């Protein structure tokens, strides 16, 4: 079995967050979804667990940051083309996300960045290693 990534995010409104992630291309796995959490599937190896604050608190003794005020992590995902990156960002913005910095173009890699409804930071990027500058 391939390694799978589960990103756990504390969220304020489960239904709104589920709708946001569905709008940007995730699907819900009802097997791991209830009134306190939702498993949102991007691919067979990438999952986002949306957890209400009470549910999230059951996994840690630390305080939960307000992601609109502070940052603890930037989640990054590679996509298969620049067009896919731009389409993904268009969906995120249409669903209520915020593009928090200008697109970045490093020649071999293009990056777009957005915040979800709770302020969690994401980067989607396309990288063409064949264009990486030789050192």
N, C-alpha and C. Protein backbone atom coordinates (compact mmCIF):
# COMPACT_ATOMS: atom_id res chain seq x y z
N UNK A 1 0.83 -1.18 0.00
CA UNK A 1 0.00 0.00 0.00
C UNK A 1 0.88 1.25 0.00
N UNK A 2 0.54 2.21 -0.83
CA UNK A 2 1.29 3.46 -0.91
C UNK A 2 1.05 4.29 0.34
N UNK A 3 2.04 5.11 0.68
CA UNK A 3 1.89 6.03 1.80
C UNK A 3 0.80 7.05 1.47
N UNK A 4 -0.02 7.32 2.45
CA UNK A 4 -1.10 8.30 2.27
C UNK A 4 -0.86 9.47 3.21
N UNK A 5 -1.27 10.65 2.78
CA UNK A 5 -1.15 11.87 3.57
C UNK A 5 -2.54 12.31 4.00
N UNK A 6 -2.72 12.51 5.31
CA UNK A 6 -3.95 13.05 5.87
C UNK A 6 -3.61 14.37 6.54
N UNK A 7 -4.13 15.46 6.01
CA UNK A 7 -3.93 16.78 6.58
C UNK A 7 -5.16 17.08 7.43
N UNK A 8 -4.95 17.34 8.71
CA UNK A 8 -6.04 17.61 9.64
C UNK A 8 -6.14 19.10 9.89
N UNK A 9 -7.31 19.68 9.60
CA UNK A 9 -7.51 21.12 9.75
C UNK A 9 -8.65 21.42 10.70
N UNK A 10 -8.42 22.31 11.68
CA UNK A 10 -9.52 22.77 12.51
C UNK A 10 -10.35 23.78 11.74
N UNK A 11 -11.65 23.59 11.73
CA UNK A 11 -12.52 24.49 10.96
C UNK A 11 -13.70 24.93 11.83
N UNK A 12 -14.26 26.08 11.48
CA UNK A 12 -15.35 26.65 12.27
C UNK A 12 -16.72 26.18 11.82
N UNK A 13 -16.91 25.98 10.52
CA UNK A 13 -18.22 25.60 10.00
C UNK A 13 -18.03 24.41 9.06
N UNK A 14 -18.39 23.23 9.55
CA UNK A 14 -18.13 21.99 8.81
C UNK A 14 -18.82 21.99 7.44
N UNK A 15 -20.08 22.36 7.39
CA UNK A 15 -20.81 22.31 6.12
C UNK A 15 -20.22 23.30 5.09
N UNK A 16 -19.90 24.51 5.53
CA UNK A 16 -19.31 25.50 4.61
C UNK A 16 -17.93 25.05 4.13
N UNK A 17 -17.14 24.48 5.03
CA UNK A 17 -15.81 24.01 4.64
C UNK A 17 -15.90 22.82 3.68
N UNK A 18 -16.84 21.92 3.94
CA UNK A 18 -17.03 20.80 3.01
C UNK A 18 -17.41 21.32 1.63
N UNK A 19 -18.31 22.28 1.57
CA UNK A 19 -18.72 22.85 0.29
C UNK A 19 -17.55 23.51 -0.42
N UNK A 20 -16.70 24.21 0.33
CA UNK A 20 -15.52 24.85 -0.25
C UNK A 20 -14.61 23.80 -0.88
N UNK A 21 -14.27 22.77 -0.12
CA UNK A 21 -13.34 21.75 -0.63
C UNK A 21 -13.96 20.95 -1.79
N UNK A 22 -15.25 20.73 -1.76
CA UNK A 22 -15.90 20.08 -2.90
C UNK A 22 -15.81 20.98 -4.13
N UNK A 23 -15.97 22.29 -3.95
CA UNK A 23 -15.93 23.22 -5.08
C UNK A 23 -14.55 23.29 -5.72
N UNK A 24 -13.50 22.98 -4.97
CA UNK A 24 -12.16 23.04 -5.56
C UNK A 24 -11.66 21.68 -6.04
N UNK A 25 -12.51 20.66 -5.96
CA UNK A 25 -12.16 19.39 -6.58
C UNK A 25 -12.02 18.20 -5.65
N UNK A 26 -12.23 18.37 -4.35
CA UNK A 26 -12.19 17.25 -3.43
C UNK A 26 -13.56 16.58 -3.42
N UNK A 27 -13.59 15.31 -3.04
CA UNK A 27 -14.86 14.61 -2.85
C UNK A 27 -14.92 14.15 -1.40
N UNK A 28 -16.12 13.98 -0.91
CA UNK A 28 -16.31 13.56 0.47
C UNK A 28 -16.36 12.04 0.56
N UNK A 29 -15.66 11.50 1.56
CA UNK A 29 -15.77 10.08 1.87
C UNK A 29 -16.68 9.97 3.08
N UNK A 30 -17.95 9.59 2.86
CA UNK A 30 -18.92 9.55 3.97
C UNK A 30 -18.58 8.52 5.04
N UNK A 31 -17.75 7.55 4.71
CA UNK A 31 -17.37 6.53 5.70
C UNK A 31 -16.66 7.17 6.90
N UNK A 32 -15.93 8.26 6.66
CA UNK A 32 -15.18 8.93 7.72
C UNK A 32 -15.70 10.34 7.98
N UNK A 33 -17.00 10.52 7.82
CA UNK A 33 -17.63 11.82 7.99
C UNK A 33 -18.81 11.70 8.95
N UNK A 34 -18.88 12.67 9.87
CA UNK A 34 -20.03 12.75 10.77
C UNK A 34 -20.28 14.22 11.09
N UNK A 35 -20.94 14.52 12.18
CA UNK A 35 -21.25 15.92 12.53
C UNK A 35 -20.04 16.68 13.05
N UNK A 36 -18.92 15.99 13.30
CA UNK A 36 -17.74 16.63 13.87
C UNK A 36 -16.54 16.63 12.94
N UNK A 37 -16.62 15.86 11.86
CA UNK A 37 -15.47 15.72 10.97
C UNK A 37 -15.92 15.29 9.58
N UNK A 38 -15.10 15.65 8.60
CA UNK A 38 -15.36 15.20 7.23
C UNK A 38 -14.03 14.84 6.57
N UNK A 39 -14.02 13.71 5.91
CA UNK A 39 -12.86 13.27 5.16
C UNK A 39 -13.05 13.71 3.70
N UNK A 40 -12.18 14.62 3.26
CA UNK A 40 -12.25 15.14 1.90
C UNK A 40 -11.09 14.55 1.11
N UNK A 41 -11.40 13.93 -0.01
CA UNK A 41 -10.43 13.16 -0.78
C UNK A 41 -10.02 13.93 -2.03
N UNK A 42 -8.70 14.11 -2.20
CA UNK A 42 -8.18 14.74 -3.41
C UNK A 42 -7.71 13.67 -4.39
N UNK A 43 -7.06 12.65 -3.88
CA UNK A 43 -6.59 11.54 -4.71
C UNK A 43 -6.52 10.30 -3.82
N UNK A 44 -6.08 9.21 -4.37
CA UNK A 44 -6.02 7.99 -3.58
C UNK A 44 -4.99 8.07 -2.46
N UNK A 45 -4.15 9.11 -2.47
CA UNK A 45 -3.11 9.25 -1.45
C UNK A 45 -3.17 10.55 -0.66
N UNK A 46 -4.04 11.47 -1.03
CA UNK A 46 -4.11 12.78 -0.36
C UNK A 46 -5.52 13.02 0.16
N UNK A 47 -5.59 13.28 1.48
CA UNK A 47 -6.86 13.49 2.16
C UNK A 47 -6.77 14.71 3.07
N UNK A 48 -7.85 15.44 3.18
CA UNK A 48 -7.94 16.52 4.15
C UNK A 48 -9.07 16.17 5.11
N UNK A 49 -8.72 16.12 6.38
CA UNK A 49 -9.71 15.89 7.42
C UNK A 49 -10.12 17.25 7.97
N UNK A 50 -11.38 17.60 7.77
CA UNK A 50 -11.93 18.83 8.32
C UNK A 50 -12.51 18.48 9.67
N UNK A 51 -12.00 19.10 10.72
CA UNK A 51 -12.40 18.77 12.08
C UNK A 51 -12.93 20.01 12.78
N UNK A 52 -14.11 19.89 13.39
CA UNK A 52 -14.61 21.00 14.18
C UNK A 52 -13.58 21.27 15.29
N UNK A 53 -13.63 22.48 15.85
CA UNK A 53 -12.67 22.82 16.90
C UNK A 53 -12.72 21.83 18.05
N UNK A 54 -13.92 21.44 18.49
CA UNK A 54 -14.03 20.49 19.59
C UNK A 54 -13.39 19.15 19.23
N UNK A 55 -13.62 18.69 18.03
CA UNK A 55 -13.03 17.42 17.59
C UNK A 55 -11.51 17.54 17.52
N UNK A 56 -11.03 18.64 16.93
CA UNK A 56 -9.59 18.86 16.79
C UNK A 56 -8.93 18.89 18.17
N UNK A 57 -9.58 19.54 19.14
CA UNK A 57 -9.03 19.65 20.50
C UNK A 57 -8.88 18.28 21.15
N UNK A 58 -9.64 17.30 20.72
CA UNK A 58 -9.53 15.97 21.33
C UNK A 58 -8.23 15.26 20.93
N UNK A 59 -7.49 15.81 19.96
CA UNK A 59 -6.24 15.21 19.52
C UNK A 59 -5.00 15.91 20.06
N UNK A 60 -5.19 17.04 20.76
CA UNK A 60 -4.03 17.80 21.22
C UNK A 60 -4.34 18.56 22.50
N UNK A 61 -3.29 18.82 23.27
CA UNK A 61 -3.45 19.66 24.45
C UNK A 61 -3.04 21.10 24.16
N UNK A 62 -2.54 21.35 22.96
CA UNK A 62 -2.11 22.70 22.57
C UNK A 62 -3.31 23.54 22.17
N UNK A 63 -3.15 24.85 22.26
CA UNK A 63 -4.22 25.73 21.79
C UNK A 63 -4.21 25.75 20.26
N UNK A 64 -5.36 26.01 19.69
CA UNK A 64 -5.51 26.05 18.24
C UNK A 64 -5.33 27.49 17.79
N UNK A 65 -4.48 27.70 16.79
CA UNK A 65 -4.27 29.04 16.28
C UNK A 65 -5.47 29.49 15.45
N UNK A 66 -5.63 30.78 15.35
CA UNK A 66 -6.59 31.35 14.40
C UNK A 66 -5.79 31.53 13.11
N UNK A 67 -6.03 30.68 12.13
CA UNK A 67 -5.24 30.68 10.89
C UNK A 67 -5.42 31.96 10.08
N UNK A 68 -6.40 32.77 10.40
CA UNK A 68 -6.55 34.06 9.74
C UNK A 68 -5.60 35.09 10.35
N UNK A 69 -5.05 34.80 11.53
CA UNK A 69 -4.16 35.73 12.24
C UNK A 69 -2.71 35.22 12.33
N UNK A 70 -2.52 33.92 12.32
CA UNK A 70 -1.19 33.33 12.49
C UNK A 70 -1.06 32.15 11.54
N UNK A 71 0.18 31.78 11.26
CA UNK A 71 0.40 30.64 10.36
C UNK A 71 1.26 29.60 11.06
N UNK A 72 0.91 28.36 10.86
CA UNK A 72 1.66 27.26 11.43
C UNK A 72 2.19 26.32 10.37
N UNK A 73 1.55 26.34 9.19
CA UNK A 73 1.95 25.43 8.12
C UNK A 73 1.42 25.97 6.79
N UNK A 74 2.13 25.68 5.72
CA UNK A 74 1.64 25.90 4.36
C UNK A 74 1.54 24.53 3.72
N UNK A 75 0.35 24.16 3.30
CA UNK A 75 0.13 22.88 2.63
C UNK A 75 0.35 23.09 1.14
N UNK A 76 1.17 22.23 0.52
CA UNK A 76 1.48 22.38 -0.90
C UNK A 76 1.15 21.11 -1.65
N UNK A 77 0.61 21.29 -2.86
CA UNK A 77 0.28 20.16 -3.72
C UNK A 77 0.77 20.45 -5.13
N UNK A 78 1.38 19.45 -5.74
CA UNK A 78 1.78 19.60 -7.14
C UNK A 78 0.62 19.18 -8.03
N UNK A 79 0.48 19.88 -9.13
CA UNK A 79 -0.53 19.56 -10.13
C UNK A 79 0.19 19.31 -11.46
N UNK A 80 -0.53 18.82 -12.45
CA UNK A 80 0.13 18.31 -13.65
C UNK A 80 0.43 19.36 -14.72
N UNK A 81 -0.04 20.61 -14.57
CA UNK A 81 0.25 21.64 -15.57
C UNK A 81 -0.05 23.01 -14.99
N UNK A 82 0.47 24.04 -15.64
CA UNK A 82 0.13 25.41 -15.24
C UNK A 82 -1.36 25.67 -15.40
N UNK A 83 -1.94 25.13 -16.47
CA UNK A 83 -3.38 25.31 -16.67
C UNK A 83 -4.17 24.72 -15.52
N UNK A 84 -3.75 23.56 -15.03
CA UNK A 84 -4.44 22.93 -13.90
C UNK A 84 -4.28 23.78 -12.63
N UNK A 85 -3.09 24.33 -12.44
CA UNK A 85 -2.85 25.22 -11.29
C UNK A 85 -3.80 26.42 -11.36
N UNK A 86 -3.88 27.06 -12.52
CA UNK A 86 -4.74 28.24 -12.67
C UNK A 86 -6.22 27.89 -12.50
N UNK A 87 -6.65 26.77 -13.04
CA UNK A 87 -8.04 26.34 -12.90
C UNK A 87 -8.36 26.05 -11.43
N UNK A 88 -7.42 25.42 -10.73
CA UNK A 88 -7.62 25.11 -9.31
C UNK A 88 -7.80 26.41 -8.52
N UNK A 89 -6.92 27.40 -8.79
CA UNK A 89 -7.04 28.67 -8.09
C UNK A 89 -8.32 29.39 -8.43
N UNK A 90 -8.74 29.33 -9.68
CA UNK A 90 -10.01 29.95 -10.07
C UNK A 90 -11.16 29.35 -9.26
N UNK A 91 -11.16 28.03 -9.10
CA UNK A 91 -12.21 27.37 -8.31
C UNK A 91 -12.14 27.81 -6.85
N UNK A 92 -10.93 27.90 -6.30
CA UNK A 92 -10.77 28.30 -4.90
C UNK A 92 -11.29 29.72 -4.68
N UNK A 93 -10.98 30.62 -5.59
CA UNK A 93 -11.43 32.01 -5.45
C UNK A 93 -12.94 32.11 -5.59
N UNK A 94 -13.49 31.38 -6.56
CA UNK A 94 -14.94 31.39 -6.77
C UNK A 94 -15.68 30.82 -5.55
N UNK A 95 -15.06 29.88 -4.85
CA UNK A 95 -15.69 29.24 -3.69
C UNK A 95 -15.50 30.05 -2.40
N UNK A 96 -14.81 31.19 -2.49
CA UNK A 96 -14.65 32.04 -1.31
C UNK A 96 -13.26 32.09 -0.73
N UNK A 97 -12.31 31.42 -1.38
CA UNK A 97 -10.93 31.47 -0.92
C UNK A 97 -10.30 32.82 -1.23
N UNK A 98 -9.11 33.04 -0.70
CA UNK A 98 -8.39 34.30 -0.87
C UNK A 98 -6.98 34.01 -1.39
N UNK A 99 -6.62 34.62 -2.52
CA UNK A 99 -5.25 34.49 -3.02
C UNK A 99 -4.39 35.48 -2.25
N UNK A 100 -3.55 34.96 -1.34
CA UNK A 100 -2.87 35.83 -0.39
C UNK A 100 -1.53 36.36 -0.86
N UNK A 101 -1.05 35.92 -2.01
CA UNK A 101 0.14 36.53 -2.60
C UNK A 101 0.09 36.34 -4.10
N UNK A 102 0.84 37.17 -4.78
CA UNK A 102 0.85 37.12 -6.25
C UNK A 102 1.43 35.79 -6.73
N UNK A 103 1.01 35.33 -7.92
CA UNK A 103 1.59 34.11 -8.48
C UNK A 103 3.12 34.24 -8.58
N UNK A 104 3.79 33.13 -8.36
CA UNK A 104 5.25 33.09 -8.41
C UNK A 104 5.68 32.26 -9.62
N UNK A 105 6.65 32.77 -10.38
CA UNK A 105 7.18 32.04 -11.54
C UNK A 105 8.69 31.96 -11.40
N UNK A 106 9.19 30.75 -11.17
CA UNK A 106 10.62 30.53 -11.02
C UNK A 106 11.25 29.93 -12.28
N UNK A 107 10.54 29.97 -13.39
CA UNK A 107 11.03 29.39 -14.63
C UNK A 107 10.71 27.91 -14.72
N UNK A 108 11.20 27.15 -13.77
CA UNK A 108 10.95 25.70 -13.75
C UNK A 108 9.72 25.34 -12.90
N UNK A 109 9.23 26.34 -12.12
CA UNK A 109 8.10 26.07 -11.23
C UNK A 109 7.23 27.32 -11.13
N UNK A 110 5.91 27.10 -11.24
CA UNK A 110 4.93 28.16 -11.07
C UNK A 110 4.08 27.80 -9.86
N UNK A 111 3.84 28.81 -8.99
CA UNK A 111 3.11 28.58 -7.75
C UNK A 111 1.99 29.61 -7.61
N UNK A 112 0.82 29.13 -7.18
CA UNK A 112 -0.29 30.01 -6.79
C UNK A 112 -0.66 29.65 -5.35
N UNK A 113 -1.04 30.64 -4.58
CA UNK A 113 -1.28 30.46 -3.15
C UNK A 113 -2.66 30.97 -2.78
N UNK A 114 -3.33 30.24 -1.88
CA UNK A 114 -4.64 30.68 -1.42
C UNK A 114 -4.88 30.26 0.02
N UNK A 115 -5.84 30.94 0.65
CA UNK A 115 -6.33 30.58 1.97
C UNK A 115 -7.72 30.00 1.81
N UNK A 116 -8.03 28.98 2.61
CA UNK A 116 -9.40 28.46 2.62
C UNK A 116 -10.27 29.36 3.50
N UNK A 117 -11.50 28.96 3.76
CA UNK A 117 -12.44 29.80 4.51
C UNK A 117 -11.97 30.10 5.93
N UNK A 118 -11.15 29.21 6.51
CA UNK A 118 -10.66 29.41 7.86
C UNK A 118 -9.27 30.03 7.90
N UNK A 119 -8.70 30.36 6.74
CA UNK A 119 -7.39 30.98 6.68
C UNK A 119 -6.23 30.01 6.56
N UNK A 120 -6.50 28.72 6.37
CA UNK A 120 -5.42 27.74 6.19
C UNK A 120 -4.77 27.97 4.83
N UNK A 121 -3.44 28.03 4.85
CA UNK A 121 -2.68 28.37 3.64
C UNK A 121 -2.37 27.14 2.80
N UNK A 122 -2.56 27.33 1.49
CA UNK A 122 -2.29 26.30 0.50
C UNK A 122 -1.49 26.89 -0.64
N UNK A 123 -0.60 26.08 -1.21
CA UNK A 123 0.07 26.40 -2.46
C UNK A 123 -0.20 25.25 -3.42
N UNK A 124 -0.55 25.60 -4.65
CA UNK A 124 -0.62 24.61 -5.71
C UNK A 124 0.43 25.01 -6.73
N UNK A 125 1.13 24.03 -7.25
CA UNK A 125 2.25 24.37 -8.14
C UNK A 125 2.42 23.32 -9.23
N UNK A 126 3.04 23.79 -10.30
CA UNK A 126 3.49 22.89 -11.36
C UNK A 126 4.99 23.06 -11.47
N UNK A 127 5.71 21.94 -11.49
CA UNK A 127 7.16 21.99 -11.60
C UNK A 127 7.61 21.13 -12.77
N UNK A 128 8.41 21.73 -13.63
CA UNK A 128 9.03 21.03 -14.75
C UNK A 128 10.52 20.94 -14.45
N UNK A 129 10.95 19.81 -13.89
CA UNK A 129 12.34 19.64 -13.45
C UNK A 129 13.32 19.77 -14.60
N UNK A 130 12.88 19.47 -15.82
CA UNK A 130 13.77 19.60 -16.98
C UNK A 130 14.19 21.05 -17.21
N UNK A 131 13.45 21.99 -16.65
CA UNK A 131 13.79 23.42 -16.78
C UNK A 131 14.56 23.95 -15.58
N UNK A 132 14.88 23.06 -14.62
CA UNK A 132 15.63 23.49 -13.44
C UNK A 132 17.01 23.94 -13.87
N UNK A 133 17.46 25.12 -13.44
CA UNK A 133 18.77 25.61 -13.88
C UNK A 133 19.90 24.72 -13.37
N UNK A 134 20.84 24.47 -14.25
CA UNK A 134 22.02 23.67 -13.86
C UNK A 134 22.93 24.52 -13.00
N UNK A 135 23.46 23.94 -11.98
CA UNK A 135 24.36 24.67 -11.07
C UNK A 135 25.79 24.54 -11.50
